[in-house]
Amino acid sequence: MRKRKQGLSLLGLLVVVALGVAAFASSAQALVPKYFVGGTLAATGLNAPVEGKQIGTGTLLVKALNMEINCTGFSVTSGLLTSATHAEGKLLYEGCTALEMPAPTGALAEIAGCELIVTEADKRHHVTAKGLILPAELKNGSPAVLVEKIEALILFLKGVGCTLPLENKVKGELCLKIVNNETVKPTVEASEAIQAECRQRKALEGLNDETLTVLEESENKGVKDLLLYGAQTSFVDGKAEVFLGGAAHVGKTIGVLLD
């Protein structure tokens, strides 16, 4: 009798443990960041145009070089929200200037002889950047977006006194905090503190096998939580409004929710 009772108790314990593990697994699977548009899950093939407006000055900080690049504004030259787990964008940053903090003044000043340009034939102070924009979650459980496979090329017209390389590639990923989630114009923020706060993703959801292969083989592999300016770690400091365009989507709320 005693052995039977002990056997039943052990079986009951195993059942309870199994149910607990299953519930935990189900809960973990449910916490998947997804894009919501107009209060509902973004449908596959949505193809909603995404636009944005910079708030204040956007800055790329490169501490190892004692340098920052300030841009007065940006526009979304092409942005598309295609499903609940996938968006992509191409941004044009304008009015960009390279600055340094020379000792002992401690005040920012333009780097002598280093004029930021598009090409040698195009002297506008512009930088184009593109990447995949994926719904994400911060470590504190708040919604966020993670920009993967970032590609940007920063060029300088080298004048007298400029010691910076002519070509400088920016790559890696950028974590963005969402301040007023699921509104018509949510705000996203980036900073050194926010950069490492996006939770690790086991997979890039919403992407097909071909896209995943390209990502795995890209030069961005191995730069988890890092944004690199050349070989140097860099950070973005700034904020922007994000909103939907197009006649069918303008005015609708947008955000990232965890089911």
C-alpha atoms as a PDB file:
ATOM      1  CA  MET A   1       0.000   0.000   0.000  1.00  0.00           C
ATOM      2  CA  ARG A   2       2.715   2.412   0.904  1.00  0.00           C
ATOM      3  CA  LYS A   3       4.630   1.739  -2.287  1.00  0.00           C
ATOM      4  CA  ARG A   4       1.486   2.276  -4.335  1.00  0.00           C
ATOM      5  CA  LYS A   5       0.764   5.576  -2.615  1.00  0.00           C
ATOM      6  CA  GLN A   6       4.317   6.743  -3.211  1.00  0.00           C
ATOM      7  CA  GLY A   7       4.042   5.713  -6.851  1.00  0.00           C
ATOM      8  CA  LEU A   8       0.855   7.697  -7.298  1.00  0.00           C
ATOM      9  CA  SER A   9       2.399  10.718  -5.598  1.00  0.00           C
ATOM     10  CA  LEU A  10       5.413  10.602  -7.890  1.00  0.00           C
ATOM     11  CA  LEU A  11       3.185  10.247 -10.949  1.00  0.00           C
ATOM     12  CA  GLY A  12       1.097  13.188  -9.781  1.00  0.00           C
ATOM     13  CA  LEU A  13       4.235  15.261  -9.268  1.00  0.00           C
ATOM     14  CA  LEU A  14       5.482  14.429 -12.765  1.00  0.00           C
ATOM     15  CA  VAL A  15       2.123  15.438 -14.239  1.00  0.00           C
ATOM     16  CA  VAL A  16       2.213  18.761 -12.386  1.00  0.00           C
ATOM     17  CA  VAL A  17       5.791  19.414 -13.537  1.00  0.00           C
ATOM     18  CA  ALA A  18       4.915  18.503 -17.124  1.00  0.00           C
ATOM     19  CA  LEU A  19       1.906  20.809 -17.111  1.00  0.00           C
ATOM     20  CA  GLY A  20       4.036  23.597 -15.657  1.00  0.00           C
ATOM     21  CA  VAL A  21       6.714  23.159 -18.336  1.00  0.00           C
ATOM     22  CA  ALA A  22       4.066  23.102 -21.058  1.00  0.00           C
ATOM     23  CA  ALA A  23       2.451  26.264 -19.702  1.00  0.00           C
ATOM     24  CA  PHE A  24       5.826  28.004 -19.530  1.00  0.00           C
ATOM     25  CA  ALA A  25       6.692  26.944 -23.080  1.00  0.00           C
ATOM     26  CA  SER A  26       3.310  28.126 -24.317  1.00  0.00           C
ATOM     27  CA  SER A  27       3.791  31.459 -22.544  1.00  0.00           C
ATOM     28  CA  ALA A  28       7.299  31.874 -23.954  1.00  0.00           C
ATOM     29  CA  GLN A  29       6.073  31.139 -27.471  1.00  0.00           C
ATOM     30  CA  ALA A  30       3.256  33.648 -27.078  1.00  0.00           C
ATOM     31  CA  LEU A  31       5.606  36.485 -26.238  1.00  0.00           C
ATOM     32  CA  VAL A  32       6.511  37.148 -29.847  1.00  0.00           C
ATOM     33  CA  PRO A  33       6.822  40.810 -30.882  1.00  0.00           C
ATOM     34  CA  LYS A  34       4.501  41.659 -33.762  1.00  0.00           C
ATOM     35  CA  TYR A  35       3.463  44.766 -35.642  1.00  0.00           C
ATOM     36  CA  PHE A  36      -0.098  45.990 -35.105  1.00  0.00           C
ATOM     37  CA  VAL A  37      -1.820  48.422 -37.473  1.00  0.00           C
ATOM     38  CA  GLY A  38      -5.116  50.059 -36.604  1.00  0.00           C
ATOM     39  CA  GLY A  39      -5.502  47.826 -33.547  1.00  0.00           C
ATOM     40  CA  THR A  40      -5.140  44.524 -35.427  1.00  0.00           C
ATOM     41  CA  LEU A  41      -2.273  42.254 -36.396  1.00  0.00           C
ATOM     42  CA  ALA A  42      -0.533  43.426 -39.562  1.00  0.00           C
ATOM     43  CA  ALA A  43      -1.462  40.994 -42.334  1.00  0.00           C
ATOM     44  CA  THR A  44       1.104  39.351 -44.579  1.00  0.00           C
ATOM     45  CA  GLY A  45       1.301  41.286 -47.837  1.00  0.00           C
ATOM     46  CA  LEU A  46       0.111  44.494 -46.171  1.00  0.00           C
ATOM     47  CA  ASN A  47       2.718  46.628 -47.961  1.00  0.00           C
ATOM     48  CA  ALA A  48       1.978  49.778 -45.943  1.00  0.00           C
ATOM     49  CA  PRO A  49       4.316  52.720 -46.665  1.00  0.00           C
ATOM     50  CA  VAL A  50       6.308  53.812 -43.603  1.00  0.00           C
ATOM     51  CA  GLU A  51       7.417  57.418 -43.135  1.00  0.00           C
ATOM     52  CA  GLY A  52       9.298  59.283 -40.427  1.00  0.00           C
ATOM     53  CA  LYS A  53      10.369  62.656 -39.091  1.00  0.00           C
ATOM     54  CA  GLN A  54      13.445  63.362 -37.002  1.00  0.00           C
ATOM     55  CA  ILE A  55      12.999  65.201 -33.711  1.00  0.00           C
ATOM     56  CA  GLY A  56      15.917  67.531 -33.061  1.00  0.00           C
ATOM     57  CA  THR A  57      19.408  66.497 -34.158  1.00  0.00           C
ATOM     58  CA  GLY A  58      20.408  62.894 -34.853  1.00  0.00           C
ATOM     59  CA  THR A  59      23.924  61.934 -33.806  1.00  0.00           C
ATOM     60  CA  LEU A  60      26.273  59.056 -34.578  1.00  0.00           C
ATOM     61  CA  LEU A  61      28.835  58.826 -31.744  1.00  0.00           C
ATOM     62  CA  VAL A  62      32.240  57.193 -32.236  1.00  0.00           C
ATOM     63  CA  LYS A  63      33.999  57.454 -28.878  1.00  0.00           C
ATOM     64  CA  ALA A  64      37.245  55.772 -29.930  1.00  0.00           C
ATOM     65  CA  LEU A  65      37.772  58.503 -32.524  1.00  0.00           C
ATOM     66  CA  ASN A  66      36.511  61.286 -30.236  1.00  0.00           C
ATOM     67  CA  MET A  67      34.083  62.083 -33.037  1.00  0.00           C
ATOM     68  CA  GLU A  68      30.408  62.455 -33.741  1.00  0.00           C
ATOM     69  CA  ILE A  69      28.423  63.019 -36.913  1.00  0.00           C
ATOM     70  CA  ASN A  70      25.412  65.289 -36.493  1.00  0.00           C
ATOM     71  CA  CYS A  71      22.544  65.356 -38.988  1.00  0.00           C
ATOM     72  CA  THR A  72      19.818  67.994 -38.875  1.00  0.00           C
ATOM     73  CA  GLY A  73      17.077  65.817 -40.374  1.00  0.00           C
ATOM     74  CA  PHE A  74      16.127  62.773 -42.373  1.00  0.00           C
ATOM     75  CA  SER A  75      13.471  61.514 -44.743  1.00  0.00           C
ATOM     76  CA  VAL A  76      12.325  57.980 -45.532  1.00  0.00           C
ATOM     77  CA  THR A  77      13.079  57.510 -49.206  1.00  0.00           C
ATOM     78  CA  SER A  78      11.520  54.041 -49.172  1.00  0.00           C
ATOM     79  CA  GLY A  79       9.878  52.226 -46.283  1.00  0.00           C
ATOM     80  CA  LEU A  80       7.468  49.310 -46.268  1.00  0.00           C
ATOM     81  CA  LEU A  81       5.695  47.314 -43.561  1.00  0.00           C
ATOM     82  CA  THR A  82       5.028  43.965 -45.231  1.00  0.00           C
ATOM     83  CA  SER A  83       3.818  41.703 -42.406  1.00  0.00           C
ATOM     84  CA  ALA A  84       3.437  41.379 -38.638  1.00  0.00           C
ATOM     85  CA  THR A  85       7.131  40.552 -38.283  1.00  0.00           C
ATOM     86  CA  HIS A  86       8.879  42.361 -41.127  1.00  0.00           C
ATOM     87  CA  ALA A  87       9.483  45.893 -42.351  1.00  0.00           C
ATOM     88  CA  GLU A  88      12.330  47.509 -44.243  1.00  0.00           C
ATOM     89  CA  GLY A  89      13.477  51.035 -44.854  1.00  0.00           C
ATOM     90  CA  LYS A  90      15.934  53.331 -46.592  1.00  0.00           C
ATOM     91  CA  LEU A  91      16.680  56.671 -44.923  1.00  0.00           C
ATOM     92  CA  LEU A  92      18.294  59.839 -46.216  1.00  0.00           C
ATOM     93  CA  TYR A  93      20.074  61.831 -43.499  1.00  0.00           C
ATOM     94  CA  GLU A  94      20.595  65.485 -44.371  1.00  0.00           C
ATOM     95  CA  GLY A  95      22.770  68.348 -43.156  1.00  0.00           C
ATOM     96  CA  CYS A  96      25.444  66.008 -41.771  1.00  0.00           C
ATOM     97  CA  THR A  97      28.662  67.349 -40.258  1.00  0.00           C
ATOM     98  CA  ALA A  98      31.618  65.581 -38.636  1.00  0.00           C
ATOM     99  CA  LEU A  99      32.613  67.081 -35.279  1.00  0.00           C
ATOM    100  CA  GLU A 100      35.309  66.404 -32.699  1.00  0.00           C
ATOM    101  CA  MET A 101      35.991  67.541 -29.162  1.00  0.00           C
ATOM    102  CA  PRO A 102      39.570  68.842 -29.181  1.00  0.00           C
ATOM    103  CA  ALA A 103      41.428  69.053 -25.884  1.00  0.00           C
ATOM    104  CA  PRO A 104      41.521  71.060 -23.738  1.00  0.00           C
ATOM    105  CA  THR A 105      38.484  73.120 -24.810  1.00  0.00           C
ATOM    106  CA  GLY A 106      35.872  70.402 -24.390  1.00  0.00           C
ATOM    107  CA  ALA A 107      33.733  72.093 -27.032  1.00  0.00           C
ATOM    108  CA  LEU A 108      32.641  70.429 -30.260  1.00  0.00           C
ATOM    109  CA  ALA A 109      34.133  71.781 -33.464  1.00  0.00           C
ATOM    110  CA  GLU A 110      34.063  70.734 -37.111  1.00  0.00           C
ATOM    111  CA  ILE A 111      36.906  68.426 -38.082  1.00  0.00           C
ATOM    112  CA  ALA A 112      39.219  70.512 -40.214  1.00  0.00           C
ATOM    113  CA  GLY A 113      39.359  69.535 -43.860  1.00  0.00           C
ATOM    114  CA  CYS A 114      36.833  66.661 -43.533  1.00  0.00           C
ATOM    115  CA  GLU A 115      33.742  67.593 -45.549  1.00  0.00           C
ATOM    116  CA  LEU A 116      31.041  64.926 -45.559  1.00  0.00           C
ATOM    117  CA  ILE A 117      29.753  64.334 -49.105  1.00  0.00           C
ATOM    118  CA  VAL A 118      27.620  61.945 -51.158  1.00  0.00           C
ATOM    119  CA  THR A 119      30.220  61.469 -53.906  1.00  0.00           C
ATOM    120  CA  GLU A 120      33.088  63.543 -55.259  1.00  0.00           C
ATOM    121  CA  ALA A 121      30.639  64.863 -57.850  1.00  0.00           C
ATOM    122  CA  ASP A 122      27.815  65.375 -55.323  1.00  0.00           C
ATOM    123  CA  LYS A 123      28.882  67.669 -52.469  1.00  0.00           C
ATOM    124  CA  ARG A 124      25.617  67.513 -50.528  1.00  0.00           C
ATOM    125  CA  HIS A 125      26.104  66.612 -46.857  1.00  0.00           C
ATOM    126  CA  HIS A 126      23.895  63.528 -47.027  1.00  0.00           C
ATOM    127  CA  VAL A 127      24.137  59.925 -45.801  1.00  0.00           C
ATOM    128  CA  THR A 128      21.903  57.067 -46.986  1.00  0.00           C
ATOM    129  CA  ALA A 129      21.234  54.120 -44.667  1.00  0.00           C
ATOM    130  CA  LYS A 130      19.064  51.048 -45.092  1.00  0.00           C
ATOM    131  CA  GLY A 131      18.112  48.003 -43.041  1.00  0.00           C
ATOM    132  CA  LEU A 132      15.492  45.484 -41.988  1.00  0.00           C
ATOM    133  CA  ILE A 133      13.205  46.831 -39.243  1.00  0.00           C
ATOM    134  CA  LEU A 134      11.950  44.038 -36.994  1.00  0.00           C
ATOM    135  CA  PRO A 135       9.533  44.133 -34.040  1.00  0.00           C
ATOM    136  CA  ALA A 136      11.382  43.481 -30.792  1.00  0.00           C
ATOM    137  CA  GLU A 137      11.168  43.516 -27.016  1.00  0.00           C
ATOM    138  CA  LEU A 138      13.371  45.300 -24.487  1.00  0.00           C
ATOM    139  CA  LYS A 139      14.782  43.367 -21.550  1.00  0.00           C
ATOM    140  CA  ASN A 140      12.278  45.117 -19.256  1.00  0.00           C
ATOM    141  CA  GLY A 141       9.372  43.770 -21.328  1.00  0.00           C
ATOM    142  CA  SER A 142       8.638  46.974 -23.255  1.00  0.00           C
ATOM    143  CA  PRO A 143       8.030  46.971 -27.045  1.00  0.00           C
ATOM    144  CA  ALA A 144      10.861  48.038 -29.326  1.00  0.00           C
ATOM    145  CA  VAL A 145      12.187  47.696 -32.862  1.00  0.00           C
ATOM    146  CA  LEU A 146      15.496  46.179 -33.900  1.00  0.00           C
ATOM    147  CA  VAL A 147      17.092  47.395 -37.120  1.00  0.00           C
ATOM    148  CA  GLU A 148      19.121  44.539 -38.626  1.00  0.00           C
ATOM    149  CA  LYS A 149      21.558  44.340 -41.530  1.00  0.00           C
ATOM    150  CA  ILE A 150      22.281  48.074 -41.480  1.00  0.00           C
ATOM    151  CA  GLU A 151      24.221  49.390 -44.460  1.00  0.00           C
ATOM    152  CA  ALA A 152      25.499  52.950 -44.759  1.00  0.00           C
ATOM    153  CA  LEU A 153      28.528  54.507 -46.427  1.00  0.00           C
ATOM    154  CA  ILE A 154      29.937  57.780 -45.081  1.00  0.00           C
ATOM    155  CA  LEU A 155      32.293  59.582 -47.444  1.00  0.00           C
ATOM    156  CA  PHE A 156      34.608  62.525 -46.812  1.00  0.00           C
ATOM    157  CA  LEU A 157      36.179  64.911 -49.271  1.00  0.00           C
ATOM    158  CA  LYS A 158      39.640  65.031 -47.773  1.00  0.00           C
ATOM    159  CA  GLY A 159      41.036  68.502 -47.506  1.00  0.00           C
ATOM    160  CA  VAL A 160      44.103  69.877 -45.744  1.00  0.00           C
ATOM    161  CA  GLY A 161      44.337  68.497 -42.204  1.00  0.00           C
ATOM    162  CA  CYS A 162      41.731  65.734 -42.541  1.00  0.00           C
ATOM    163  CA  THR A 163      43.040  62.454 -41.100  1.00  0.00           C
ATOM    164  CA  LEU A 164      39.834  60.429 -41.481  1.00  0.00           C
ATOM    165  CA  PRO A 165      39.568  57.682 -44.131  1.00  0.00           C
ATOM    166  CA  LEU A 166      37.666  58.683 -47.247  1.00  0.00           C
ATOM    167  CA  GLU A 167      35.256  55.730 -47.053  1.00  0.00           C
ATOM    168  CA  ASN A 168      33.669  54.621 -43.784  1.00  0.00           C
ATOM    169  CA  LYS A 169      31.124  51.791 -43.631  1.00  0.00           C
ATOM    170  CA  VAL A 170      28.472  51.637 -40.922  1.00  0.00           C
ATOM    171  CA  LYS A 171      27.039  48.172 -40.270  1.00  0.00           C
ATOM    172  CA  GLY A 172      25.478  46.037 -37.550  1.00  0.00           C
ATOM    173  CA  GLU A 173      22.209  46.520 -35.713  1.00  0.00           C
ATOM    174  CA  LEU A 174      20.402  49.223 -33.799  1.00  0.00           C
ATOM    175  CA  CYS A 175      17.952  48.836 -30.904  1.00  0.00           C
ATOM    176  CA  LEU A 176      15.195  51.464 -30.716  1.00  0.00           C
ATOM    177  CA  LYS A 177      12.871  52.049 -27.758  1.00  0.00           C
ATOM    178  CA  ILE A 178       9.215  52.850 -28.529  1.00  0.00           C
ATOM    179  CA  VAL A 179       7.951  55.641 -26.272  1.00  0.00           C
ATOM    180  CA  ASN A 180       4.240  56.011 -27.155  1.00  0.00           C
ATOM    181  CA  ASN A 181       3.448  52.627 -28.633  1.00  0.00           C
ATOM    182  CA  GLU A 182       0.409  51.964 -30.858  1.00  0.00           C
ATOM    183  CA  THR A 183      -0.483  55.549 -31.650  1.00  0.00           C
ATOM    184  CA  VAL A 184      -0.752  57.311 -34.998  1.00  0.00           C
ATOM    185  CA  LYS A 185       2.785  58.707 -34.609  1.00  0.00           C
ATOM    186  CA  PRO A 186       4.792  56.604 -32.138  1.00  0.00           C
ATOM    187  CA  THR A 187       8.218  57.924 -31.161  1.00  0.00           C
ATOM    188  CA  VAL A 188      11.359  55.795 -31.328  1.00  0.00           C
ATOM    189  CA  GLU A 189      14.484  56.646 -29.344  1.00  0.00           C
ATOM    190  CA  ALA A 190      18.093  55.519 -29.615  1.00  0.00           C
ATOM    191  CA  SER A 191      20.974  56.027 -27.187  1.00  0.00           C
ATOM    192  CA  GLU A 192      24.058  54.270 -25.846  1.00  0.00           C
ATOM    193  CA  ALA A 193      21.998  52.946 -22.917  1.00  0.00           C
ATOM    194  CA  ILE A 194      19.217  51.594 -25.173  1.00  0.00           C
ATOM    195  CA  GLN A 195      21.572  49.951 -27.685  1.00  0.00           C
ATOM    196  CA  ALA A 196      22.043  46.677 -25.769  1.00  0.00           C
ATOM    197  CA  GLU A 197      18.502  46.472 -24.347  1.00  0.00           C
ATOM    198  CA  CYS A 198      16.762  44.510 -27.130  1.00  0.00           C
ATOM    199  CA  ARG A 199      16.223  40.865 -26.203  1.00  0.00           C
ATOM    200  CA  GLN A 200      18.054  38.331 -28.335  1.00  0.00           C
ATOM    201  CA  ARG A 201      15.968  36.828 -31.110  1.00  0.00           C
ATOM    202  CA  LYS A 202      16.372  33.128 -31.898  1.00  0.00           C
ATOM    203  CA  ALA A 203      15.188  33.737 -35.447  1.00  0.00           C
ATOM    204  CA  LEU A 204      14.380  36.608 -37.730  1.00  0.00           C
ATOM    205  CA  GLU A 205      10.652  35.995 -38.047  1.00  0.00           C
ATOM    206  CA  GLY A 206       8.730  36.943 -41.140  1.00  0.00           C
ATOM    207  CA  LEU A 207      11.727  36.465 -43.422  1.00  0.00           C
ATOM    208  CA  ASN A 208      11.915  33.771 -46.070  1.00  0.00           C
ATOM    209  CA  ASP A 209      14.767  31.244 -46.314  1.00  0.00           C
ATOM    210  CA  GLU A 210      16.490  33.176 -49.094  1.00  0.00           C
ATOM    211  CA  THR A 211      16.576  36.367 -47.016  1.00  0.00           C
ATOM    212  CA  LEU A 212      17.842  34.471 -43.969  1.00  0.00           C
ATOM    213  CA  THR A 213      20.667  32.990 -46.027  1.00  0.00           C
ATOM    214  CA  VAL A 214      21.694  36.447 -47.208  1.00  0.00           C
ATOM    215  CA  LEU A 215      21.667  37.701 -43.605  1.00  0.00           C
ATOM    216  CA  GLU A 216      23.737  34.774 -42.330  1.00  0.00           C
ATOM    217  CA  GLU A 217      26.329  35.260 -45.062  1.00  0.00           C
ATOM    218  CA  SER A 218      26.462  39.051 -44.757  1.00  0.00           C
ATOM    219  CA  GLU A 219      29.310  40.968 -43.167  1.00  0.00           C
ATOM    220  CA  ASN A 220      26.943  41.856 -40.338  1.00  0.00           C
ATOM    221  CA  LYS A 221      27.274  38.350 -38.923  1.00  0.00           C
ATOM    222  CA  GLY A 222      28.731  38.370 -35.421  1.00  0.00           C
ATOM    223  CA  VAL A 223      27.833  41.968 -34.543  1.00  0.00           C
ATOM    224  CA  LYS A 224      25.034  41.226 -32.046  1.00  0.00           C
ATOM    225  CA  ASP A 225      24.077  44.410 -30.190  1.00  0.00           C
ATOM    226  CA  LEU A 226      26.780  46.327 -32.065  1.00  0.00           C
ATOM    227  CA  LEU A 227      26.710  49.223 -34.473  1.00  0.00           C
ATOM    228  CA  LEU A 228      30.108  49.658 -36.095  1.00  0.00           C
ATOM    229  CA  TYR A 229      31.669  52.681 -37.791  1.00  0.00           C
ATOM    230  CA  GLY A 230      34.446  50.933 -39.675  1.00  0.00           C
ATOM    231  CA  ALA A 231      36.012  48.774 -36.955  1.00  0.00           C
ATOM    232  CA  GLN A 232      34.926  51.057 -34.092  1.00  0.00           C
ATOM    233  CA  THR A 233      31.864  50.633 -31.886  1.00  0.00           C
ATOM    234  CA  SER A 234      29.414  53.479 -32.379  1.00  0.00           C
ATOM    235  CA  PHE A 235      26.053  54.599 -31.006  1.00  0.00           C
ATOM    236  CA  VAL A 236      23.092  56.566 -32.283  1.00  0.00           C
ATOM    237  CA  ASP A 237      21.623  59.289 -30.092  1.00  0.00           C
ATOM    238  CA  GLY A 238      18.313  60.716 -31.258  1.00  0.00           C
ATOM    239  CA  LYS A 239      14.590  60.302 -31.650  1.00  0.00           C
ATOM    240  CA  ALA A 240      12.031  60.349 -34.430  1.00  0.00           C
ATOM    241  CA  GLU A 241       8.315  60.053 -35.134  1.00  0.00           C
ATOM    242  CA  VAL A 242       7.186  57.117 -37.250  1.00  0.00           C
ATOM    243  CA  PHE A 243       3.875  56.967 -39.110  1.00  0.00           C
ATOM    244  CA  LEU A 244       2.122  55.262 -41.998  1.00  0.00           C
ATOM    245  CA  GLY A 245       1.566  56.812 -45.399  1.00  0.00           C
ATOM    246  CA  GLY A 246      -0.543  55.891 -48.385  1.00  0.00           C
ATOM    247  CA  ALA A 247      -4.258  56.519 -48.815  1.00  0.00           C
ATOM    248  CA  ALA A 248      -5.245  53.161 -47.327  1.00  0.00           C
ATOM    249  CA  HIS A 249      -3.128  53.459 -44.171  1.00  0.00           C
ATOM    250  CA  VAL A 250      -2.557  57.117 -43.308  1.00  0.00           C
ATOM    251  CA  GLY A 251      -3.953  58.045 -39.904  1.00  0.00           C
ATOM    252  CA  LYS A 252      -3.945  54.473 -38.590  1.00  0.00           C
ATOM    253  CA  THR A 253      -2.238  53.571 -35.322  1.00  0.00           C
ATOM    254  CA  ILE A 254       0.945  51.523 -35.496  1.00  0.00           C
ATOM    255  CA  GLY A 255       2.992  49.756 -32.871  1.00  0.00           C
ATOM    256  CA  VAL A 256       4.655  46.609 -31.575  1.00  0.00           C
ATOM    257  CA  LEU A 257       2.714  44.349 -29.214  1.00  0.00           C
ATOM    258  CA  LEU A 258       3.501  41.072 -27.483  1.00  0.00           C
ATOM    259  CA  ASP A 259       0.745  38.472 -27.759  1.00  0.00           C
END
